[in-house]
Amino acid sequence: MDTSTDIIARRPGPSVQDVLSRDPIAAPAVLRAESPPLNPSTEDVSAERYFSRAWHDREVERVWRRTWQFACRVEELAQVGDQVVYDIVDDSLLIVRTAAGNGADTIKAYVNSCLHRGTMLRTEAGNAKQIRCPFHGWTWTLDGKLAVLPGQWDFPQVDKAKFCLPEAQVGLWGGFVFVNLDPACEPFEAYLENLPDHFEAFQLENRYVAAHVAKVMPCNWKLGMEAFIEAYHVGTAHPQVTGYYGDTNTQYDVWPGVRHVSRMISVQGVPSPGRAAMTPAQTVEEMRRDVPFFAGKPIALADGEDARPALAARAREKIGRSSGRDMSDLSDSEALDLIEYLLFPNMVPWGGQALPITYRFRPNGNDPDSHIMEIMFLFAKAPDGSHPAPAKMRMLGPDQDWKDAPELGSAAMVADQDTDNLRRIQKGLKASRKPGVTLARYQESRIRHFHETLDAYMAG
């Protein structure tokens, strides 16, 4: 364990590691390690990056066209000919299953534009044995080769052998399909840095998308993401969870030399340090009130028993029943805690089994004042690898709230509370006469780390 944690001030009281050290079923080594920020900057982050159109335009060129981005899940491309559209600002990719198999070479990502007059080849997912332009019928094979050119006699300048669809780079990890528009991009395996090692036990490749909900949010994509990578705001914005959620003692990790990945761990089944007087019975009662997962038969505590082990036992029971697997050895932390990572620029995958969530945040076209936020639940496949059809993305309308997607459970209430605050932040930053955003040294260190990486990309 890293013992240099006194380099930066943190809230007194039981740390995440203190809590994990008392768990009856110990957390894996990857969760027992810490990497607090060393000598973090205290300089403000410029405010213009959240609303400036010029900044947005530079992001398109230097971030969205140069980084690896999660585009879809492999189970969305189960059959040869399955096709998914991934849009990012003005760019559009058509991701296609070209052959059976598990390697990245069986999936292609083509620029979603006909080489004749630019028509988008597809606007939604589907299956076809070819790629056909709906305007004039130009047709390519799944391998991107031009097969049919109607009226070929009238195009002497077109060499069919050279008129292949342009491709983006493709990478696979954890059941996710990643794309990169830059032909000279950093190798995918290097870009992931320490993420695969940290997720080895979580087996995201053995899950499927059970729920997928999206909404246009009233703020810049960075503001939206930042609200979900720190717990500093929880006590004020989400006070209903503090009876069973360790907010101000959340652990934040950034690793030396790691540019694209950061982590936070928030323990559940214990009260916030600000509500230390709560009894274990009250913690159980409040968690069962807010989290449908813990509803059902009562959870009775023995004399002197803490809430966390009892809640972890209930979680193991329910996870095991839903997954068809023996979860009796699952650690208390993996069964209960919020174990959340960030992969730059816009993917937020969760580890463990407690909340099998992945977030994605994308610009809403060319509008710096809004973005598309997506919440996905990844449930375990059956032991034989089978699973229901992956959920299609449900796009909420402008007058709908997250709570209008009941499949999100208690996550919807939290997202709705954040939506109201994010609208205020976007407007407030424009009204402010202060040119920068002030960040806490520890509790907002992941935001600082993100912007340091962003600044490096923006500098080219």
Protein backbone atom coordinates (compact mmCIF):
# COMPACT_ATOMS: atom_id res chain seq x y z
CA MET A 1 0.00 0.00 0.00
CA ASP A 2 1.18 3.53 -0.74
CA THR A 3 2.12 5.15 2.59
CA SER A 4 2.69 8.66 1.20
CA THR A 5 -0.90 9.72 1.81
CA ASP A 6 0.09 12.51 4.20
CA ILE A 7 1.47 14.54 1.30
CA ILE A 8 -1.94 16.07 0.71
CA ALA A 9 -4.60 16.98 3.29
CA ARG A 10 -7.68 14.80 3.46
CA ARG A 11 -10.67 14.64 5.74
CA PRO A 12 -9.94 13.12 9.17
CA GLY A 13 -11.91 10.04 10.05
CA PRO A 14 -12.14 6.54 8.66
CA SER A 15 -10.52 6.46 5.24
CA VAL A 16 -11.63 4.09 2.51
CA GLN A 17 -8.68 1.89 3.38
CA ASP A 18 -9.68 1.91 7.06
CA VAL A 19 -13.13 0.67 6.09
CA LEU A 20 -11.80 -1.96 3.69
CA SER A 21 -9.39 -3.26 6.33
CA ARG A 22 -12.35 -4.23 8.52
CA ASP A 23 -14.36 -6.02 5.83
CA PRO A 24 -15.01 -9.72 6.54
CA ILE A 25 -14.31 -10.60 2.90
CA ALA A 26 -11.23 -8.65 1.88
CA ALA A 27 -11.09 -6.40 -1.16
CA PRO A 28 -8.72 -7.38 -3.99
CA ALA A 29 -5.24 -5.89 -4.01
CA VAL A 30 -6.10 -3.41 -6.77
CA LEU A 31 -8.60 -1.75 -4.40
CA ARG A 32 -6.26 -1.80 -1.39
CA ALA A 33 -3.74 0.44 -3.14
CA GLU A 34 -3.73 4.24 -3.10
CA SER A 35 -2.15 6.82 -5.36
CA PRO A 36 -3.03 10.31 -4.10
CA PRO A 37 -2.04 13.33 -6.19
CA LEU A 38 1.47 14.54 -5.46
CA ASN A 39 2.10 18.28 -5.31
CA PRO A 40 -1.08 19.19 -7.19
CA SER A 41 -1.42 22.60 -8.79
CA THR A 42 -3.70 25.18 -7.18
CA GLU A 43 -4.04 27.34 -10.30
CA ASP A 44 -7.52 28.05 -11.60
CA VAL A 45 -8.77 26.26 -14.71
CA SER A 46 -9.89 28.67 -17.43
CA ALA A 47 -13.67 29.13 -17.60
CA GLU A 48 -13.82 29.78 -21.35
CA ARG A 49 -13.26 26.10 -22.10
CA TYR A 50 -16.82 25.43 -20.99
CA PHE A 51 -18.60 27.83 -23.35
CA SER A 52 -16.22 29.24 -25.96
CA ARG A 53 -17.01 28.19 -29.54
CA ALA A 54 -13.36 28.70 -30.46
CA TRP A 55 -12.31 26.30 -27.69
CA HIS A 56 -14.94 23.81 -28.89
CA ASP A 57 -13.60 23.98 -32.45
CA ARG A 58 -10.06 23.26 -31.22
CA GLU A 59 -11.39 20.34 -29.17
CA VAL A 60 -12.88 18.83 -32.30
CA GLU A 61 -9.52 18.90 -34.07
CA ARG A 62 -7.23 18.07 -31.18
CA VAL A 63 -9.35 15.81 -28.96
CA TRP A 64 -12.28 14.20 -30.77
CA ARG A 65 -10.29 13.54 -33.94
CA ARG A 66 -7.20 12.27 -32.11
CA THR A 67 -8.28 10.22 -29.09
CA TRP A 68 -9.62 6.72 -28.59
CA GLN A 69 -13.35 6.77 -27.83
CA PHE A 70 -15.80 4.09 -26.76
CA ALA A 71 -18.26 3.77 -29.67
CA CYS A 72 -20.43 0.71 -28.95
CA ARG A 73 -20.48 -2.74 -27.35
CA VAL A 74 -19.40 -5.95 -29.05
CA GLU A 75 -22.80 -7.55 -28.39
CA GLU A 76 -24.34 -4.88 -30.63
CA LEU A 77 -22.26 -6.43 -33.44
CA ALA A 78 -23.04 -10.08 -32.76
CA GLN A 79 -23.82 -11.14 -36.35
CA VAL A 80 -21.88 -10.61 -39.56
CA GLY A 81 -23.42 -7.56 -41.22
CA ASP A 82 -24.48 -5.85 -37.98
CA GLN A 83 -23.87 -2.11 -38.29
CA VAL A 84 -23.85 0.68 -35.67
CA VAL A 85 -23.55 4.44 -36.23
CA TYR A 86 -21.27 6.46 -33.94
CA ASP A 87 -21.50 10.26 -34.22
CA ILE A 88 -19.13 12.74 -32.62
CA VAL A 89 -19.76 16.40 -33.51
CA ASP A 90 -19.64 16.52 -37.34
CA ASP A 91 -17.89 13.17 -37.75
CA SER A 92 -19.81 9.95 -38.24
CA LEU A 93 -18.52 6.39 -38.34
CA LEU A 94 -20.26 3.24 -39.51
CA ILE A 95 -19.03 0.35 -37.37
CA VAL A 96 -19.51 -3.00 -39.07
CA ARG A 97 -19.08 -6.65 -38.14
CA THR A 98 -17.29 -7.99 -41.21
CA ALA A 99 -16.56 -11.56 -40.08
CA ALA A 100 -17.10 -13.95 -37.21
CA GLY A 101 -14.51 -13.99 -34.45
CA ASN A 102 -13.36 -12.11 -31.38
CA GLY A 103 -10.52 -9.97 -32.72
CA ALA A 104 -10.51 -6.30 -33.64
CA ASP A 105 -9.78 -7.36 -37.23
CA THR A 106 -13.37 -8.65 -37.53
CA ILE A 107 -14.81 -5.17 -36.94
CA LYS A 108 -14.31 -2.15 -39.21
CA ALA A 109 -15.15 1.52 -38.68
CA TYR A 110 -15.84 3.35 -41.95
CA VAL A 111 -16.37 7.04 -42.49
CA ASN A 112 -20.15 7.21 -42.78
CA SER A 113 -20.25 9.10 -46.07
CA CYS A 114 -20.76 7.94 -49.63
CA LEU A 115 -17.73 8.60 -51.84
CA HIS A 116 -20.04 9.73 -54.64
CA ARG A 117 -21.78 12.83 -53.25
CA GLY A 118 -21.42 12.48 -49.49
CA THR A 119 -24.76 10.96 -48.48
CA MET A 120 -24.67 9.32 -45.03
CA LEU A 121 -24.64 5.60 -45.67
CA ARG A 122 -26.68 4.82 -42.54
CA THR A 123 -28.46 6.87 -39.90
CA GLU A 124 -29.28 4.05 -37.46
CA ALA A 125 -28.18 0.56 -36.51
CA GLY A 126 -29.21 -2.49 -38.51
CA ASN A 127 -27.99 -5.54 -40.37
CA ALA A 128 -27.14 -5.83 -44.06
CA LYS A 129 -24.82 -7.96 -46.16
CA GLN A 130 -23.50 -4.87 -47.91
CA ILE A 131 -23.19 -1.10 -47.45
CA ARG A 132 -25.45 0.68 -49.89
CA CYS A 133 -25.97 4.41 -50.43
CA PRO A 134 -29.75 5.12 -50.40
CA PHE A 135 -29.45 8.01 -52.91
CA HIS A 136 -27.86 6.50 -56.02
CA GLY A 137 -27.19 2.91 -55.00
CA TRP A 138 -23.41 2.91 -54.86
CA THR A 139 -22.63 -0.25 -52.89
CA TRP A 140 -19.62 -1.50 -50.94
CA THR A 141 -18.87 -4.92 -49.48
CA LEU A 142 -18.58 -5.32 -45.72
CA ASP A 143 -14.82 -5.14 -46.28
CA GLY A 144 -15.22 -1.62 -47.67
CA LYS A 145 -14.59 -2.42 -51.33
CA LEU A 146 -16.71 -0.78 -54.02
CA ALA A 147 -18.83 -3.53 -55.57
CA VAL A 148 -21.61 -1.76 -57.46
CA LEU A 149 -21.33 1.56 -59.32
CA PRO A 150 -24.60 2.25 -61.19
CA GLY A 151 -23.89 3.75 -64.61
CA GLN A 152 -20.21 2.93 -64.36
CA TRP A 153 -19.77 3.92 -68.01
CA ASP A 154 -20.29 7.54 -66.95
CA PHE A 155 -17.47 7.56 -64.35
CA PRO A 156 -14.26 6.88 -66.29
CA GLN A 157 -12.32 8.68 -63.54
CA VAL A 158 -13.34 6.16 -60.86
CA ASP A 159 -11.11 3.14 -60.31
CA LYS A 160 -13.33 0.77 -58.34
CA ALA A 161 -10.30 -0.97 -56.85
CA LYS A 162 -9.20 2.32 -55.27
CA PHE A 163 -12.62 3.62 -54.24
CA CYS A 164 -12.63 1.87 -50.86
CA LEU A 165 -14.37 3.39 -47.86
CA PRO A 166 -11.95 5.32 -45.61
CA GLU A 167 -11.43 3.66 -42.24
CA ALA A 168 -10.86 4.75 -38.65
CA GLN A 169 -8.75 2.73 -36.22
CA VAL A 170 -10.54 0.09 -34.09
CA GLY A 171 -9.66 -1.38 -30.68
CA LEU A 172 -11.43 -3.82 -28.37
CA TRP A 173 -11.34 -3.92 -24.58
CA GLY A 174 -13.75 -5.26 -21.98
CA GLY A 175 -16.46 -5.90 -24.55
CA PHE A 176 -16.30 -2.26 -25.72
CA VAL A 177 -15.48 -1.20 -29.28
CA PHE A 178 -13.22 1.85 -29.48
CA VAL A 179 -12.48 4.03 -32.49
CA ASN A 180 -9.90 6.65 -33.36
CA LEU A 181 -10.11 8.96 -36.38
CA ASP A 182 -6.38 9.69 -36.40
CA PRO A 183 -4.42 7.33 -38.71
CA ALA A 184 -1.25 8.17 -36.76
CA CYS A 185 -2.83 7.73 -33.33
CA GLU A 186 -1.21 6.28 -30.23
CA PRO A 187 -1.53 2.47 -30.14
CA PHE A 188 -4.71 1.44 -28.36
CA GLU A 189 -3.02 -0.81 -25.81
CA ALA A 190 -0.68 2.01 -24.77
CA TYR A 191 -3.57 4.49 -24.56
CA LEU A 192 -5.42 2.30 -22.04
CA GLU A 193 -2.43 2.42 -19.68
CA ASN A 194 -3.27 0.64 -16.38
CA LEU A 195 -7.02 0.23 -17.02
CA PRO A 196 -6.97 -3.42 -18.22
CA ASP A 197 -5.00 -4.55 -15.17
CA HIS A 198 -7.40 -2.80 -12.80
CA PHE A 199 -10.47 -4.30 -14.49
CA GLU A 200 -9.15 -7.83 -14.93
CA ALA A 201 -11.30 -9.22 -12.10
CA PHE A 202 -14.41 -7.26 -13.10
CA GLN A 203 -14.77 -9.04 -16.48
CA LEU A 204 -16.72 -6.39 -18.37
CA GLU A 205 -16.36 -8.55 -21.47
CA ASN A 206 -18.76 -11.03 -19.84
CA ARG A 207 -21.56 -8.49 -19.53
CA TYR A 208 -24.19 -7.04 -21.83
CA VAL A 209 -26.07 -3.72 -22.02
CA ALA A 210 -29.25 -4.24 -20.02
CA ALA A 211 -30.30 -0.57 -20.00
CA HIS A 212 -29.15 2.43 -22.06
CA VAL A 213 -30.66 5.87 -21.55
CA ALA A 214 -29.52 9.22 -22.96
CA LYS A 215 -30.52 12.84 -22.50
CA VAL A 216 -29.39 16.18 -23.86
CA MET A 217 -28.00 18.00 -20.83
CA PRO A 218 -27.99 21.80 -20.38
CA CYS A 219 -24.23 22.28 -20.07
CA ASN A 220 -20.88 21.63 -21.70
CA TRP A 221 -19.84 17.95 -21.83
CA LYS A 222 -16.91 18.56 -19.47
CA LEU A 223 -19.15 20.04 -16.78
CA GLY A 224 -21.46 17.07 -17.07
CA MET A 225 -18.65 14.58 -16.68
CA GLU A 226 -17.03 16.47 -13.82
CA ALA A 227 -20.19 16.18 -11.74
CA PHE A 228 -19.77 12.41 -11.84
CA ILE A 229 -16.06 12.11 -11.04
CA GLU A 230 -16.04 13.73 -7.60
CA ALA A 231 -18.04 13.27 -4.41
CA TYR A 232 -17.39 16.74 -2.99
CA HIS A 233 -20.87 17.91 -4.02
CA VAL A 234 -22.75 14.93 -2.61
CA GLY A 235 -23.53 16.31 0.86
CA THR A 236 -25.20 19.40 -0.63
CA ALA A 237 -26.65 18.10 -3.89
CA HIS A 238 -27.62 14.58 -2.79
CA PRO A 239 -28.14 14.76 0.99
CA GLN A 240 -30.50 11.78 0.93
CA VAL A 241 -27.56 9.38 0.42
CA THR A 242 -25.29 10.53 3.26
CA GLY A 243 -26.76 8.07 5.73
CA TYR A 244 -25.12 5.17 3.87
CA TYR A 245 -22.52 6.73 1.56
CA GLY A 246 -19.03 7.85 2.51
CA ASP A 247 -18.78 11.11 0.59
CA THR A 248 -16.10 13.29 2.15
CA ASN A 249 -13.81 10.33 2.83
CA THR A 250 -13.86 9.20 -0.80
CA GLN A 251 -10.48 8.04 -2.08
CA TYR A 252 -9.13 9.71 -5.24
CA ASP A 253 -6.33 8.13 -7.25
CA VAL A 254 -4.15 9.49 -10.02
CA TRP A 255 -1.02 7.57 -10.94
CA PRO A 256 2.35 9.11 -11.84
CA GLY A 257 2.85 9.08 -15.59
CA VAL A 258 -0.71 7.86 -16.28
CA ARG A 259 -2.43 10.46 -18.47
CA HIS A 260 -5.77 8.94 -19.44
CA VAL A 261 -6.98 7.09 -16.33
CA SER A 262 -8.04 8.13 -12.84
CA ARG A 263 -10.18 6.55 -10.11
CA MET A 264 -12.30 7.20 -7.07
CA ILE A 265 -13.64 4.75 -4.47
CA SER A 266 -16.60 5.69 -2.27
CA VAL A 267 -17.62 3.21 0.40
CA GLN A 268 -21.27 2.34 0.96
CA GLY A 269 -22.99 0.80 3.95
CA VAL A 270 -21.35 3.35 6.23
CA PRO A 271 -22.59 6.86 6.96
CA SER A 272 -20.89 10.00 5.77
CA PRO A 273 -18.31 11.26 8.28
CA GLY A 274 -20.66 14.23 8.67
CA ARG A 275 -23.31 11.88 10.08
CA ALA A 276 -21.10 9.77 12.30
CA ALA A 277 -23.74 9.60 15.06
CA MET A 278 -26.00 7.38 12.96
CA THR A 279 -26.64 3.86 14.23
CA PRO A 280 -26.06 0.82 11.99
CA ALA A 281 -29.80 0.17 11.98
CA GLN A 282 -30.44 3.69 10.68
CA THR A 283 -27.86 3.19 7.93
CA VAL A 284 -29.59 -0.01 6.81
CA GLU A 285 -33.00 1.68 6.93
CA GLU A 286 -31.91 4.65 4.81
CA MET A 287 -30.14 2.50 2.23
CA ARG A 288 -33.17 0.24 1.86
CA ARG A 289 -35.38 3.32 1.51
CA ASP A 290 -33.39 4.83 -1.38
CA VAL A 291 -31.90 1.85 -3.22
CA PRO A 292 -34.46 -0.60 -4.64
CA PHE A 293 -31.74 -3.25 -4.90
CA PHE A 294 -31.88 -3.64 -1.09
CA ALA A 295 -35.65 -3.75 -0.84
CA GLY A 296 -37.49 -6.95 -0.02
CA LYS A 297 -37.20 -8.97 3.15
CA PRO A 298 -35.91 -7.02 6.19
CA ILE A 299 -32.22 -6.97 7.06
CA ALA A 300 -31.97 -7.67 10.78
CA LEU A 301 -28.74 -6.75 12.57
CA ALA A 302 -27.44 -8.74 15.51
CA ASP A 303 -26.41 -6.86 18.65
CA GLY A 304 -23.23 -4.96 17.91
CA GLU A 305 -23.29 -5.82 14.20
CA ASP A 306 -22.31 -3.14 11.70
CA ALA A 307 -24.51 -2.28 8.74
CA ARG A 308 -21.87 -2.81 6.04
CA PRO A 309 -21.30 -6.58 6.38
CA ALA A 310 -25.04 -7.24 6.52
CA LEU A 311 -25.68 -5.12 3.43
CA ALA A 312 -22.79 -6.82 1.63
CA ALA A 313 -24.26 -10.24 2.41
CA ARG A 314 -27.61 -9.16 0.93
CA ALA A 315 -25.84 -7.78 -2.14
CA ARG A 316 -23.92 -11.04 -2.71
CA GLU A 317 -27.16 -12.97 -2.43
CA LYS A 318 -28.97 -10.84 -5.01
CA ILE A 319 -26.02 -10.55 -7.42
CA GLY A 320 -25.54 -14.31 -7.30
CA ARG A 321 -29.21 -14.99 -7.95
CA SER A 322 -29.42 -12.57 -10.90
CA SER A 323 -26.16 -13.73 -12.50
CA GLY A 324 -26.55 -17.46 -11.89
CA ARG A 325 -23.11 -17.55 -10.27
CA ASP A 326 -21.75 -18.30 -6.83
CA MET A 327 -20.90 -14.90 -5.34
CA SER A 328 -20.19 -16.13 -1.80
CA ASP A 329 -16.53 -15.09 -2.07
CA LEU A 330 -17.21 -11.66 -3.59
CA SER A 331 -15.53 -9.00 -1.48
CA ASP A 332 -17.66 -6.58 0.51
CA SER A 333 -16.18 -3.73 -1.51
CA GLU A 334 -16.99 -5.24 -4.90
CA ALA A 335 -20.53 -5.99 -3.69
CA LEU A 336 -21.23 -2.53 -2.25
CA ASP A 337 -18.88 0.25 -3.19
CA LEU A 338 -18.75 2.87 -5.92
CA ILE A 339 -15.54 2.01 -7.78
CA GLU A 340 -15.38 4.48 -10.62
CA TYR A 341 -12.73 5.09 -13.26
CA LEU A 342 -12.34 7.71 -15.99
CA LEU A 343 -10.82 6.95 -19.38
CA PHE A 344 -10.00 10.19 -21.15
CA PRO A 345 -11.74 11.89 -22.76
CA ASN A 346 -15.32 10.88 -22.00
CA MET A 347 -15.84 7.32 -20.74
CA VAL A 348 -16.61 6.60 -17.07
CA PRO A 349 -16.70 2.82 -16.41
CA TRP A 350 -17.44 1.40 -12.96
CA GLY A 351 -15.71 -1.60 -11.45
CA GLY A 352 -17.00 -4.16 -8.98
CA GLN A 353 -20.52 -5.57 -9.05
CA ALA A 354 -22.45 -3.08 -6.91
CA LEU A 355 -23.35 -0.58 -9.62
CA PRO A 356 -22.54 -1.98 -13.08
CA ILE A 357 -22.69 1.44 -14.72
CA THR A 358 -20.85 3.07 -17.59
CA TYR A 359 -21.32 6.76 -18.42
CA ARG A 360 -20.49 8.45 -21.71
CA PHE A 361 -20.46 12.22 -22.33
CA ARG A 362 -20.40 13.69 -25.87
CA PRO A 363 -20.83 17.18 -27.33
CA ASN A 364 -24.32 17.83 -28.66
CA GLY A 365 -23.27 18.67 -32.20
CA ASN A 366 -21.47 22.01 -32.28
CA ASP A 367 -23.26 23.51 -29.25
CA PRO A 368 -20.75 24.17 -26.43
CA ASP A 369 -23.66 24.83 -24.03
CA SER A 370 -25.15 21.32 -24.16
CA HIS A 371 -24.08 17.71 -24.41
CA ILE A 372 -25.42 14.17 -24.65
CA MET A 373 -25.08 12.15 -21.46
CA GLU A 374 -25.63 8.40 -21.53
CA ILE A 375 -26.12 5.94 -18.67
CA MET A 376 -25.62 2.25 -19.39
CA PHE A 377 -26.16 -0.71 -17.06
CA LEU A 378 -23.96 -3.73 -17.84
CA PHE A 379 -25.40 -6.94 -16.37
CA ALA A 380 -23.61 -10.27 -16.22
CA LYS A 381 -24.22 -12.79 -18.98
CA ALA A 382 -25.47 -16.24 -18.04
CA PRO A 383 -22.75 -18.79 -17.16
CA ASP A 384 -23.06 -20.26 -20.67
CA GLY A 385 -22.44 -16.80 -22.21
CA SER A 386 -26.02 -16.23 -23.33
CA HIS A 387 -27.85 -12.98 -22.66
CA PRO A 388 -30.93 -11.04 -23.75
CA ALA A 389 -30.67 -8.75 -26.74
CA PRO A 390 -28.73 -5.61 -25.76
CA ALA A 391 -30.93 -2.68 -24.88
CA LYS A 392 -31.32 -0.02 -27.54
CA MET A 393 -30.57 3.52 -26.48
CA ARG A 394 -33.64 5.36 -25.20
CA MET A 395 -33.29 9.10 -25.89
CA LEU A 396 -35.28 11.14 -23.40
CA GLY A 397 -37.12 14.14 -24.78
CA PRO A 398 -36.44 17.75 -23.75
CA ASP A 399 -39.41 17.72 -21.37
CA GLN A 400 -38.53 14.40 -19.79
CA ASP A 401 -36.50 13.76 -16.66
CA TRP A 402 -34.16 10.88 -15.95
CA LYS A 403 -36.84 9.53 -13.60
CA ASP A 404 -38.97 8.88 -16.71
CA ALA A 405 -36.63 5.95 -17.38
CA PRO A 406 -37.59 3.55 -14.57
CA GLU A 407 -34.95 1.06 -15.68
CA LEU A 408 -32.34 3.38 -14.11
CA GLY A 409 -33.69 2.90 -10.60
CA SER A 410 -32.19 5.20 -7.96
CA ALA A 411 -29.53 6.45 -10.41
CA ALA A 412 -32.26 8.53 -12.08
CA MET A 413 -32.91 10.62 -8.97
CA VAL A 414 -29.24 11.49 -8.61
CA ALA A 415 -28.97 12.42 -12.31
CA ASP A 416 -32.04 14.67 -12.06
CA GLN A 417 -30.59 16.48 -9.06
CA ASP A 418 -27.34 17.04 -10.95
CA THR A 419 -29.17 18.25 -14.06
CA ASP A 420 -30.63 21.23 -12.21
CA ASN A 421 -27.24 22.20 -10.80
CA LEU A 422 -25.45 21.77 -14.12
CA ARG A 423 -27.87 24.18 -15.80
CA ARG A 424 -27.00 26.76 -13.13
CA ILE A 425 -23.26 26.19 -13.54
CA GLN A 426 -23.33 26.68 -17.31
CA LYS A 427 -25.20 29.97 -16.97
CA GLY A 428 -23.21 31.05 -13.94
CA LEU A 429 -19.86 30.63 -15.66
CA LYS A 430 -20.97 32.99 -18.40
CA ALA A 431 -22.20 35.55 -15.89
CA SER A 432 -19.09 35.33 -13.74
CA ARG A 433 -16.38 37.99 -13.84
CA LYS A 434 -13.87 35.49 -12.45
CA PRO A 435 -11.85 34.09 -15.38
CA GLY A 436 -11.19 30.67 -13.88
CA VAL A 437 -12.63 27.76 -11.92
CA THR A 438 -11.12 27.00 -8.51
CA LEU A 439 -10.54 23.34 -7.65
CA ALA A 440 -9.92 21.56 -4.35
CA ARG A 441 -6.50 19.99 -4.07
CA TYR A 442 -7.73 16.49 -3.19
CA GLN A 443 -11.48 16.11 -3.58
CA GLU A 444 -11.41 17.57 -7.10
CA SER A 445 -8.02 16.14 -8.05
CA ARG A 446 -9.51 13.95 -10.78
CA ILE A 447 -10.93 17.05 -12.44
CA ARG A 448 -7.50 18.68 -12.24
CA HIS A 449 -5.89 15.56 -13.72
CA PHE A 450 -8.43 15.51 -16.56
CA HIS A 451 -7.74 19.15 -17.45
CA GLU A 452 -3.99 18.64 -17.39
CA THR A 453 -4.42 15.89 -19.98
CA LEU A 454 -6.90 18.02 -21.93
CA ASP A 455 -4.47 20.95 -21.97
CA ALA A 456 -1.74 18.69 -23.32
CA TYR A 457 -3.95 17.60 -26.22
CA MET A 458 -5.09 21.14 -26.87
CA ALA A 459 -1.47 22.26 -27.05
CA GLY A 460 -0.99 19.73 -29.84
